[in-house]
Amino acid sequence: MNESINESSRDILQSVQKGLKILRLFSIEKPEWGISEMARALHINKSTVSRLVSELIQESFLEKKGRKYSLGLSLLRLSGVVTSHLEIHRESRESLIQLVEDLQETAHVAILEDGSVTYLHKVDCKHPVRLLSHVGKRNPAHCTSSGKILLAYQTESKVKDLITATGLTPMGPNSITESSRFFQDLHTVRKQGYSVCIDEMHDDVVSIAAPIRDYTGQVVAAVSVVGPGQRITHEKIPVFIERIIASGRDISINLGYIESIYQKEDLLT
């Protein structure tokens, strides 16, 4: 039984690898390929190439043009996501460096992916605290300041679906685990334009985040500063909030956001 499962897994992996090799053939210099050309270029059986191409067409990764094939809209959508993320990473770099210099704590830029926050960028301070955060790291959205910022600008139905799928699992001593209280918290976050989490993800850890908007006015990421409660004291939090909001605004402007034409939305509609 196990041998059969392992063999099936190997077959799937090989098909995926061959499918990716097919997609890599396409370039600006040669945007269209025929089945026989692909088979010769990759030294893969023609019938195998034909089957894989049919599957890629079904998922819109390829499209047929007469007897030739070209890249489909699914790849265009994926490339748009990658380009957007690269732009956010590039345009936030100087602001994050300045934020760390001003506040002397570690700063991040994060996005929302499948109900979790994923860190696109991180700049450490001189005395970083080991918080298990790094570029590419994913954390639960419901107990991080970045996650709450990103969720606060989603529709209520989408947040409900997320809670149903992932739950409000307690992480730190102050994690919110009741959905009614969580929605109330998101309303507050969106109304005030920033989020403060104290001991929600980890004990004795404070994180403060503000939204980053793109040229359409949509919140596409969050900028946050994270550090120990003994350094980010209650007395310092207002200063941190003001500086982080300003950083989020600067990054948004770099992404083409024009504040004067932005119309405030209803809360969690």
C-alpha atoms as a PDB file:
ATOM      1  CA  MET A   1       0.000   0.000   0.000  1.00  0.00           C
ATOM      2  CA  ASN A   2       2.763   2.469   0.976  1.00  0.00           C
ATOM      3  CA  GLU A   3       4.736   1.599  -2.160  1.00  0.00           C
ATOM      4  CA  SER A   4       1.654   2.383  -4.249  1.00  0.00           C
ATOM      5  CA  ILE A   5       1.198   5.760  -2.530  1.00  0.00           C
ATOM      6  CA  ASN A   6       4.883   6.625  -2.959  1.00  0.00           C
ATOM      7  CA  GLU A   7       4.752   5.698  -6.638  1.00  0.00           C
ATOM      8  CA  SER A   8       1.647   7.826  -7.138  1.00  0.00           C
ATOM      9  CA  SER A   9       3.329  10.774  -5.384  1.00  0.00           C
ATOM     10  CA  ARG A  10       6.401  10.416  -7.595  1.00  0.00           C
ATOM     11  CA  ASP A  11       4.212  10.395 -10.728  1.00  0.00           C
ATOM     12  CA  ILE A  12       2.430  13.578  -9.614  1.00  0.00           C
ATOM     13  CA  LEU A  13       5.738  15.295  -8.813  1.00  0.00           C
ATOM     14  CA  GLN A  14       7.194  14.332 -12.184  1.00  0.00           C
ATOM     15  CA  SER A  15       4.095  15.669 -13.974  1.00  0.00           C
ATOM     16  CA  VAL A  16       4.359  18.955 -12.083  1.00  0.00           C
ATOM     17  CA  GLN A  17       8.067  19.245 -12.937  1.00  0.00           C
ATOM     18  CA  LYS A  18       7.398  18.573 -16.619  1.00  0.00           C
ATOM     19  CA  GLY A  19       4.520  21.069 -16.628  1.00  0.00           C
ATOM     20  CA  LEU A  20       6.800  23.750 -15.184  1.00  0.00           C
ATOM     21  CA  LYS A  21       9.461  22.961 -17.786  1.00  0.00           C
ATOM     22  CA  ILE A  22       6.843  23.503 -20.494  1.00  0.00           C
ATOM     23  CA  LEU A  23       5.909  26.914 -19.061  1.00  0.00           C
ATOM     24  CA  ARG A  24       9.582  27.942 -18.869  1.00  0.00           C
ATOM     25  CA  LEU A  25       9.946  27.434 -22.635  1.00  0.00           C
ATOM     26  CA  PHE A  26       7.880  30.544 -23.347  1.00  0.00           C
ATOM     27  CA  SER A  27       9.754  33.814 -23.668  1.00  0.00           C
ATOM     28  CA  ILE A  28       9.509  37.237 -25.277  1.00  0.00           C
ATOM     29  CA  GLU A  29      11.723  35.953 -28.094  1.00  0.00           C
ATOM     30  CA  LYS A  30       9.507  32.872 -28.609  1.00  0.00           C
ATOM     31  CA  PRO A  31       6.015  33.395 -27.147  1.00  0.00           C
ATOM     32  CA  GLU A  32       4.353  30.556 -29.096  1.00  0.00           C
ATOM     33  CA  TRP A  33       5.164  26.844 -29.227  1.00  0.00           C
ATOM     34  CA  GLY A  34       3.742  23.757 -30.917  1.00  0.00           C
ATOM     35  CA  ILE A  35       3.434  20.335 -29.279  1.00  0.00           C
ATOM     36  CA  SER A  36       6.182  18.766 -31.411  1.00  0.00           C
ATOM     37  CA  GLU A  37       8.526  21.701 -30.720  1.00  0.00           C
ATOM     38  CA  MET A  38       8.002  21.361 -26.969  1.00  0.00           C
ATOM     39  CA  ALA A  39       8.603  17.620 -27.084  1.00  0.00           C
ATOM     40  CA  ARG A  40      11.854  18.047 -29.006  1.00  0.00           C
ATOM     41  CA  ALA A  41      13.122  20.903 -26.843  1.00  0.00           C
ATOM     42  CA  LEU A  42      12.439  19.061 -23.572  1.00  0.00           C
ATOM     43  CA  HIS A  43      13.148  15.516 -24.788  1.00  0.00           C
ATOM     44  CA  ILE A  44       9.722  14.441 -23.516  1.00  0.00           C
ATOM     45  CA  ASN A  45       7.339  12.045 -25.246  1.00  0.00           C
ATOM     46  CA  LYS A  46       4.943  13.921 -27.555  1.00  0.00           C
ATOM     47  CA  SER A  47       1.846  12.274 -26.057  1.00  0.00           C
ATOM     48  CA  THR A  48       2.987  13.288 -22.558  1.00  0.00           C
ATOM     49  CA  VAL A  49       3.469  16.884 -23.665  1.00  0.00           C
ATOM     50  CA  SER A  50       0.029  16.887 -25.291  1.00  0.00           C
ATOM     51  CA  ARG A  51      -1.601  15.637 -22.078  1.00  0.00           C
ATOM     52  CA  LEU A  52       0.191  18.171 -19.906  1.00  0.00           C
ATOM     53  CA  VAL A  53      -0.619  21.016 -22.289  1.00  0.00           C
ATOM     54  CA  SER A  54      -4.321  20.047 -22.179  1.00  0.00           C
ATOM     55  CA  GLU A  55      -4.246  20.222 -18.380  1.00  0.00           C
ATOM     56  CA  LEU A  56      -2.462  23.579 -18.433  1.00  0.00           C
ATOM     57  CA  ILE A  57      -5.093  24.921 -20.834  1.00  0.00           C
ATOM     58  CA  GLN A  58      -7.878  23.800 -18.480  1.00  0.00           C
ATOM     59  CA  GLU A  59      -6.293  25.866 -15.685  1.00  0.00           C
ATOM     60  CA  SER A  60      -5.724  28.838 -18.056  1.00  0.00           C
ATOM     61  CA  PHE A  61      -1.934  28.623 -17.756  1.00  0.00           C
ATOM     62  CA  LEU A  62      -1.783  28.124 -21.524  1.00  0.00           C
ATOM     63  CA  GLU A  63      -4.112  29.044 -24.364  1.00  0.00           C
ATOM     64  CA  LYS A  64      -4.363  27.635 -27.881  1.00  0.00           C
ATOM     65  CA  LYS A  65      -3.760  29.814 -30.922  1.00  0.00           C
ATOM     66  CA  GLY A  66      -4.407  27.750 -34.016  1.00  0.00           C
ATOM     67  CA  ARG A  67      -1.852  24.933 -33.871  1.00  0.00           C
ATOM     68  CA  LYS A  68       0.362  26.846 -31.440  1.00  0.00           C
ATOM     69  CA  TYR A  69       0.128  27.630 -27.736  1.00  0.00           C
ATOM     70  CA  SER A  70       0.904  30.724 -25.674  1.00  0.00           C
ATOM     71  CA  LEU A  71       0.863  31.679 -22.006  1.00  0.00           C
ATOM     72  CA  GLY A  72      -2.595  32.147 -20.493  1.00  0.00           C
ATOM     73  CA  LEU A  73      -4.285  34.613 -18.160  1.00  0.00           C
ATOM     74  CA  SER A  74      -3.580  32.614 -14.989  1.00  0.00           C
ATOM     75  CA  LEU A  75       0.121  33.391 -15.352  1.00  0.00           C
ATOM     76  CA  LEU A  76      -0.680  37.031 -16.022  1.00  0.00           C
ATOM     77  CA  ARG A  77      -2.626  37.187 -12.756  1.00  0.00           C
ATOM     78  CA  LEU A  78       0.220  35.511 -10.870  1.00  0.00           C
ATOM     79  CA  SER A  79       2.779  37.845 -12.414  1.00  0.00           C
ATOM     80  CA  GLY A  80       0.649  40.777 -11.294  1.00  0.00           C
ATOM     81  CA  VAL A  81       0.769  39.519  -7.705  1.00  0.00           C
ATOM     82  CA  VAL A  82       4.540  39.052  -7.832  1.00  0.00           C
ATOM     83  CA  THR A  83       5.074  42.485  -9.391  1.00  0.00           C
ATOM     84  CA  SER A  84       2.871  44.106  -6.745  1.00  0.00           C
ATOM     85  CA  HIS A  85       4.751  42.404  -3.909  1.00  0.00           C
ATOM     86  CA  LEU A  86       8.125  43.331  -5.372  1.00  0.00           C
ATOM     87  CA  GLU A  87       6.987  46.930  -5.687  1.00  0.00           C
ATOM     88  CA  ILE A  88       5.828  47.035  -2.063  1.00  0.00           C
ATOM     89  CA  HIS A  89       9.162  45.540  -0.963  1.00  0.00           C
ATOM     90  CA  ARG A  90      11.143  48.068  -3.016  1.00  0.00           C
ATOM     91  CA  GLU A  91       9.113  51.140  -2.073  1.00  0.00           C
ATOM     92  CA  SER A  92       9.053  50.346   1.656  1.00  0.00           C
ATOM     93  CA  ARG A  93      12.784  49.810   2.183  1.00  0.00           C
ATOM     94  CA  GLU A  94      13.862  53.367   2.981  1.00  0.00           C
ATOM     95  CA  SER A  95      10.812  54.002   5.168  1.00  0.00           C
ATOM     96  CA  LEU A  96      11.486  50.865   7.222  1.00  0.00           C
ATOM     97  CA  ILE A  97      15.142  51.794   7.716  1.00  0.00           C
ATOM     98  CA  GLN A  98      14.105  55.264   8.886  1.00  0.00           C
ATOM     99  CA  LEU A  99      11.405  53.792  11.142  1.00  0.00           C
ATOM    100  CA  VAL A 100      13.927  51.532  12.865  1.00  0.00           C
ATOM    101  CA  GLU A 101      16.352  54.416  13.239  1.00  0.00           C
ATOM    102  CA  ASP A 102      13.653  56.617  14.805  1.00  0.00           C
ATOM    103  CA  LEU A 103      12.059  54.053  17.135  1.00  0.00           C
ATOM    104  CA  GLN A 104      14.949  51.644  17.726  1.00  0.00           C
ATOM    105  CA  GLU A 105      12.707  48.597  17.260  1.00  0.00           C
ATOM    106  CA  THR A 106      12.303  46.026  14.495  1.00  0.00           C
ATOM    107  CA  ALA A 107       9.983  46.960  11.617  1.00  0.00           C
ATOM    108  CA  HIS A 108       8.067  44.784   9.147  1.00  0.00           C
ATOM    109  CA  VAL A 109       5.897  45.000   6.063  1.00  0.00           C
ATOM    110  CA  ALA A 110       3.322  42.223   5.790  1.00  0.00           C
ATOM    111  CA  ILE A 111       0.507  41.107   3.479  1.00  0.00           C
ATOM    112  CA  LEU A 112      -2.549  38.894   3.996  1.00  0.00           C
ATOM    113  CA  GLU A 113      -2.430  35.371   2.545  1.00  0.00           C
ATOM    114  CA  ASP A 114      -5.090  32.735   3.221  1.00  0.00           C
ATOM    115  CA  GLY A 115      -5.975  34.136   6.620  1.00  0.00           C
ATOM    116  CA  SER A 116      -2.367  34.563   7.740  1.00  0.00           C
ATOM    117  CA  VAL A 117       0.089  37.441   7.608  1.00  0.00           C
ATOM    118  CA  THR A 118       3.197  36.888   5.523  1.00  0.00           C
ATOM    119  CA  TYR A 119       6.216  39.136   6.042  1.00  0.00           C
ATOM    120  CA  LEU A 120       7.551  40.664   2.813  1.00  0.00           C
ATOM    121  CA  HIS A 121      10.196  42.845   4.416  1.00  0.00           C
ATOM    122  CA  LYS A 122      11.967  43.123   7.764  1.00  0.00           C
ATOM    123  CA  VAL A 123      14.561  45.514   9.160  1.00  0.00           C
ATOM    124  CA  ASP A 124      16.072  44.567  12.517  1.00  0.00           C
ATOM    125  CA  CYS A 125      16.962  47.048  15.227  1.00  0.00           C
ATOM    126  CA  LYS A 126      20.324  47.003  17.054  1.00  0.00           C
ATOM    127  CA  HIS A 127      18.915  44.874  19.862  1.00  0.00           C
ATOM    128  CA  PRO A 128      16.374  42.568  18.208  1.00  0.00           C
ATOM    129  CA  VAL A 129      14.215  40.235  20.237  1.00  0.00           C
ATOM    130  CA  ARG A 130      13.854  36.696  18.932  1.00  0.00           C
ATOM    131  CA  LEU A 131      10.223  36.730  17.851  1.00  0.00           C
ATOM    132  CA  LEU A 132      10.425  33.996  15.213  1.00  0.00           C
ATOM    133  CA  SER A 133       9.685  36.501  12.465  1.00  0.00           C
ATOM    134  CA  HIS A 134      11.531  36.585   9.162  1.00  0.00           C
ATOM    135  CA  VAL A 135      10.826  37.342   5.533  1.00  0.00           C
ATOM    136  CA  GLY A 136       8.396  34.699   4.287  1.00  0.00           C
ATOM    137  CA  LYS A 137       7.289  33.770   7.795  1.00  0.00           C
ATOM    138  CA  ARG A 138       3.547  33.355   8.284  1.00  0.00           C
ATOM    139  CA  ASN A 139       1.739  34.198  11.524  1.00  0.00           C
ATOM    140  CA  PRO A 140      -1.948  34.038  12.486  1.00  0.00           C
ATOM    141  CA  ALA A 141      -3.693  37.243  11.434  1.00  0.00           C
ATOM    142  CA  HIS A 142      -6.101  37.472  14.361  1.00  0.00           C
ATOM    143  CA  CYS A 143      -3.468  38.108  17.034  1.00  0.00           C
ATOM    144  CA  THR A 144      -0.957  40.347  15.227  1.00  0.00           C
ATOM    145  CA  SER A 145      -1.240  44.085  14.668  1.00  0.00           C
ATOM    146  CA  SER A 146      -0.476  43.691  10.946  1.00  0.00           C
ATOM    147  CA  GLY A 147      -3.095  40.968  10.643  1.00  0.00           C
ATOM    148  CA  LYS A 148      -5.756  43.073  12.337  1.00  0.00           C
ATOM    149  CA  ILE A 149      -5.028  46.027  10.067  1.00  0.00           C
ATOM    150  CA  LEU A 150      -5.365  43.824   6.992  1.00  0.00           C
ATOM    151  CA  LEU A 151      -8.512  42.084   8.254  1.00  0.00           C
ATOM    152  CA  ALA A 152     -10.143  45.370   9.283  1.00  0.00           C
ATOM    153  CA  TYR A 153     -10.287  46.409   5.635  1.00  0.00           C
ATOM    154  CA  GLN A 154     -11.845  43.137   4.433  1.00  0.00           C
ATOM    155  CA  THR A 155     -15.582  42.572   4.109  1.00  0.00           C
ATOM    156  CA  GLU A 156     -17.388  41.179   7.132  1.00  0.00           C
ATOM    157  CA  SER A 157     -18.332  38.024   5.213  1.00  0.00           C
ATOM    158  CA  LYS A 158     -14.700  37.366   4.323  1.00  0.00           C
ATOM    159  CA  VAL A 159     -13.617  37.759   7.950  1.00  0.00           C
ATOM    160  CA  LYS A 160     -16.423  35.416   9.042  1.00  0.00           C
ATOM    161  CA  ASP A 161     -15.248  32.822   6.517  1.00  0.00           C
ATOM    162  CA  LEU A 162     -11.709  33.157   7.837  1.00  0.00           C
ATOM    163  CA  ILE A 163     -12.812  32.689  11.441  1.00  0.00           C
ATOM    164  CA  THR A 164     -14.831  29.640  10.443  1.00  0.00           C
ATOM    165  CA  ALA A 165     -11.863  28.155   8.585  1.00  0.00           C
ATOM    166  CA  THR A 166      -9.052  28.912  11.018  1.00  0.00           C
ATOM    167  CA  GLY A 167     -10.731  29.796  14.304  1.00  0.00           C
ATOM    168  CA  LEU A 168      -9.457  32.297  16.853  1.00  0.00           C
ATOM    169  CA  THR A 169      -6.804  30.110  18.402  1.00  0.00           C
ATOM    170  CA  PRO A 170      -5.242  31.623  21.543  1.00  0.00           C
ATOM    171  CA  MET A 171      -1.542  32.364  21.106  1.00  0.00           C
ATOM    172  CA  GLY A 172      -0.535  34.881  23.786  1.00  0.00           C
ATOM    173  CA  PRO A 173      -2.200  35.657  27.135  1.00  0.00           C
ATOM    174  CA  ASN A 174      -4.291  38.481  25.623  1.00  0.00           C
ATOM    175  CA  SER A 175      -5.421  36.751  22.410  1.00  0.00           C
ATOM    176  CA  ILE A 176      -9.051  37.508  21.526  1.00  0.00           C
ATOM    177  CA  THR A 177     -10.952  34.246  21.120  1.00  0.00           C
ATOM    178  CA  GLU A 178     -14.587  35.454  20.985  1.00  0.00           C
ATOM    179  CA  SER A 179     -15.817  36.374  17.502  1.00  0.00           C
ATOM    180  CA  SER A 180     -18.132  39.193  18.665  1.00  0.00           C
ATOM    181  CA  ARG A 181     -15.300  40.856  20.561  1.00  0.00           C
ATOM    182  CA  PHE A 182     -12.948  40.304  17.636  1.00  0.00           C
ATOM    183  CA  PHE A 183     -15.297  42.065  15.193  1.00  0.00           C
ATOM    184  CA  GLN A 184     -15.658  44.941  17.642  1.00  0.00           C
ATOM    185  CA  ASP A 185     -11.878  45.179  17.794  1.00  0.00           C
ATOM    186  CA  LEU A 186     -11.625  45.277  13.987  1.00  0.00           C
ATOM    187  CA  HIS A 187     -14.218  48.074  13.852  1.00  0.00           C
ATOM    188  CA  THR A 188     -12.088  50.063  16.299  1.00  0.00           C
ATOM    189  CA  VAL A 189      -8.903  49.362  14.340  1.00  0.00           C
ATOM    190  CA  ARG A 190     -10.430  50.577  11.096  1.00  0.00           C
ATOM    191  CA  LYS A 191     -11.987  53.642  12.684  1.00  0.00           C
ATOM    192  CA  GLN A 192      -8.735  54.776  14.294  1.00  0.00           C
ATOM    193  CA  GLY A 193      -6.467  53.721  11.423  1.00  0.00           C
ATOM    194  CA  TYR A 194      -3.954  51.707  13.438  1.00  0.00           C
ATOM    195  CA  SER A 195      -3.713  48.549  15.551  1.00  0.00           C
ATOM    196  CA  VAL A 196      -1.978  47.876  18.849  1.00  0.00           C
ATOM    197  CA  CYS A 197      -1.512  44.302  20.071  1.00  0.00           C
ATOM    198  CA  ILE A 198      -0.131  43.758  23.568  1.00  0.00           C
ATOM    199  CA  ASP A 199       0.697  40.179  24.587  1.00  0.00           C
ATOM    200  CA  GLU A 200      -1.621  38.758  21.902  1.00  0.00           C
ATOM    201  CA  MET A 201       0.898  36.776  19.842  1.00  0.00           C
ATOM    202  CA  HIS A 202       3.604  36.348  22.502  1.00  0.00           C
ATOM    203  CA  ASP A 203       3.892  37.211  26.173  1.00  0.00           C
ATOM    204  CA  ASP A 204       5.543  40.593  26.835  1.00  0.00           C
ATOM    205  CA  VAL A 205       5.492  41.579  23.166  1.00  0.00           C
ATOM    206  CA  VAL A 206       3.938  44.751  21.753  1.00  0.00           C
ATOM    207  CA  SER A 207       3.221  45.253  18.054  1.00  0.00           C
ATOM    208  CA  ILE A 208       1.780  48.354  16.417  1.00  0.00           C
ATOM    209  CA  ALA A 209       0.709  48.535  12.771  1.00  0.00           C
ATOM    210  CA  ALA A 210      -0.753  50.941  10.215  1.00  0.00           C
ATOM    211  CA  PRO A 211      -2.154  50.383   6.704  1.00  0.00           C
ATOM    212  CA  ILE A 212      -0.328  50.678   3.390  1.00  0.00           C
ATOM    213  CA  ARG A 213      -2.500  51.597   0.395  1.00  0.00           C
ATOM    214  CA  ASP A 214      -1.880  51.334  -3.328  1.00  0.00           C
ATOM    215  CA  TYR A 215      -2.817  53.829  -6.055  1.00  0.00           C
ATOM    216  CA  THR A 216      -6.463  52.644  -5.958  1.00  0.00           C
ATOM    217  CA  GLY A 217      -6.779  53.432  -2.253  1.00  0.00           C
ATOM    218  CA  GLN A 218      -7.018  49.753  -1.303  1.00  0.00           C
ATOM    219  CA  VAL A 219      -5.136  48.490   1.747  1.00  0.00           C
ATOM    220  CA  VAL A 220      -2.612  46.047   0.283  1.00  0.00           C
ATOM    221  CA  ALA A 221      -0.143  45.671   3.162  1.00  0.00           C
ATOM    222  CA  ALA A 222       0.652  46.771   6.698  1.00  0.00           C
ATOM    223  CA  VAL A 223       3.729  48.324   8.269  1.00  0.00           C
ATOM    224  CA  SER A 224       4.439  47.360  11.859  1.00  0.00           C
ATOM    225  CA  VAL A 225       6.953  47.782  14.647  1.00  0.00           C
ATOM    226  CA  VAL A 226       7.429  44.984  17.183  1.00  0.00           C
ATOM    227  CA  GLY A 227       9.361  44.865  20.435  1.00  0.00           C
ATOM    228  CA  PRO A 228       9.289  43.862  24.102  1.00  0.00           C
ATOM    229  CA  GLY A 229       6.835  45.476  26.484  1.00  0.00           C
ATOM    230  CA  GLN A 230       9.671  46.667  28.697  1.00  0.00           C
ATOM    231  CA  ARG A 231      10.881  48.903  25.852  1.00  0.00           C
ATOM    232  CA  ILE A 232       7.588  49.793  24.147  1.00  0.00           C
ATOM    233  CA  THR A 233       5.904  51.067  27.280  1.00  0.00           C
ATOM    234  CA  HIS A 234       2.375  52.512  27.501  1.00  0.00           C
ATOM    235  CA  GLU A 235       3.894  55.999  27.705  1.00  0.00           C
ATOM    236  CA  LYS A 236       5.761  55.486  24.404  1.00  0.00           C
ATOM    237  CA  ILE A 237       2.907  53.907  22.444  1.00  0.00           C
ATOM    238  CA  PRO A 238       1.338  57.225  21.252  1.00  0.00           C
ATOM    239  CA  VAL A 239       4.699  58.302  19.795  1.00  0.00           C
ATOM    240  CA  PHE A 240       5.076  54.924  18.068  1.00  0.00           C
ATOM    241  CA  ILE A 241       1.550  55.125  16.648  1.00  0.00           C
ATOM    242  CA  GLU A 242       2.132  58.571  15.147  1.00  0.00           C
ATOM    243  CA  ARG A 243       5.441  57.557  13.579  1.00  0.00           C
ATOM    244  CA  ILE A 244       4.137  54.233  12.172  1.00  0.00           C
ATOM    245  CA  ILE A 245       1.048  55.876  10.641  1.00  0.00           C
ATOM    246  CA  ALA A 246       3.341  58.413   8.974  1.00  0.00           C
ATOM    247  CA  SER A 247       5.526  55.595   7.637  1.00  0.00           C
ATOM    248  CA  GLY A 248       2.472  53.796   6.225  1.00  0.00           C
ATOM    249  CA  ARG A 249       1.393  57.023   4.551  1.00  0.00           C
ATOM    250  CA  ASP A 250       4.860  57.555   3.045  1.00  0.00           C
ATOM    251  CA  ILE A 251       4.977  54.039   1.616  1.00  0.00           C
ATOM    252  CA  SER A 252       1.430  54.449   0.268  1.00  0.00           C
ATOM    253  CA  ILE A 253       2.412  57.668  -1.523  1.00  0.00           C
ATOM    254  CA  ASN A 254       5.394  55.819  -3.028  1.00  0.00           C
ATOM    255  CA  LEU A 255       2.903  53.270  -4.384  1.00  0.00           C
ATOM    256  CA  GLY A 256       0.863  56.019  -6.041  1.00  0.00           C
ATOM    257  CA  TYR A 257      -1.758  56.639  -3.358  1.00  0.00           C
ATOM    258  CA  ILE A 258      -3.245  60.153  -3.380  1.00  0.00           C
ATOM    259  CA  GLU A 259      -4.779  60.902  -0.010  1.00  0.00           C
ATOM    260  CA  SER A 260      -6.793  63.926  -1.137  1.00  0.00           C
ATOM    261  CA  ILE A 261      -9.025  61.872  -3.452  1.00  0.00           C
ATOM    262  CA  TYR A 262      -9.545  58.950  -1.062  1.00  0.00           C
ATOM    263  CA  GLN A 263     -13.101  58.526   0.143  1.00  0.00           C
ATOM    264  CA  LYS A 264     -13.531  56.936   3.577  1.00  0.00           C
ATOM    265  CA  GLU A 265     -15.358  53.599   3.414  1.00  0.00           C
ATOM    266  CA  ASP A 266     -18.012  52.196   5.723  1.00  0.00           C
ATOM    267  CA  LEU A 267     -16.682  49.929   8.423  1.00  0.00           C
ATOM    268  CA  LEU A 268     -16.560  46.228   7.596  1.00  0.00           C
ATOM    269  CA  THR A 269     -19.382  46.237   5.074  1.00  0.00           C
END
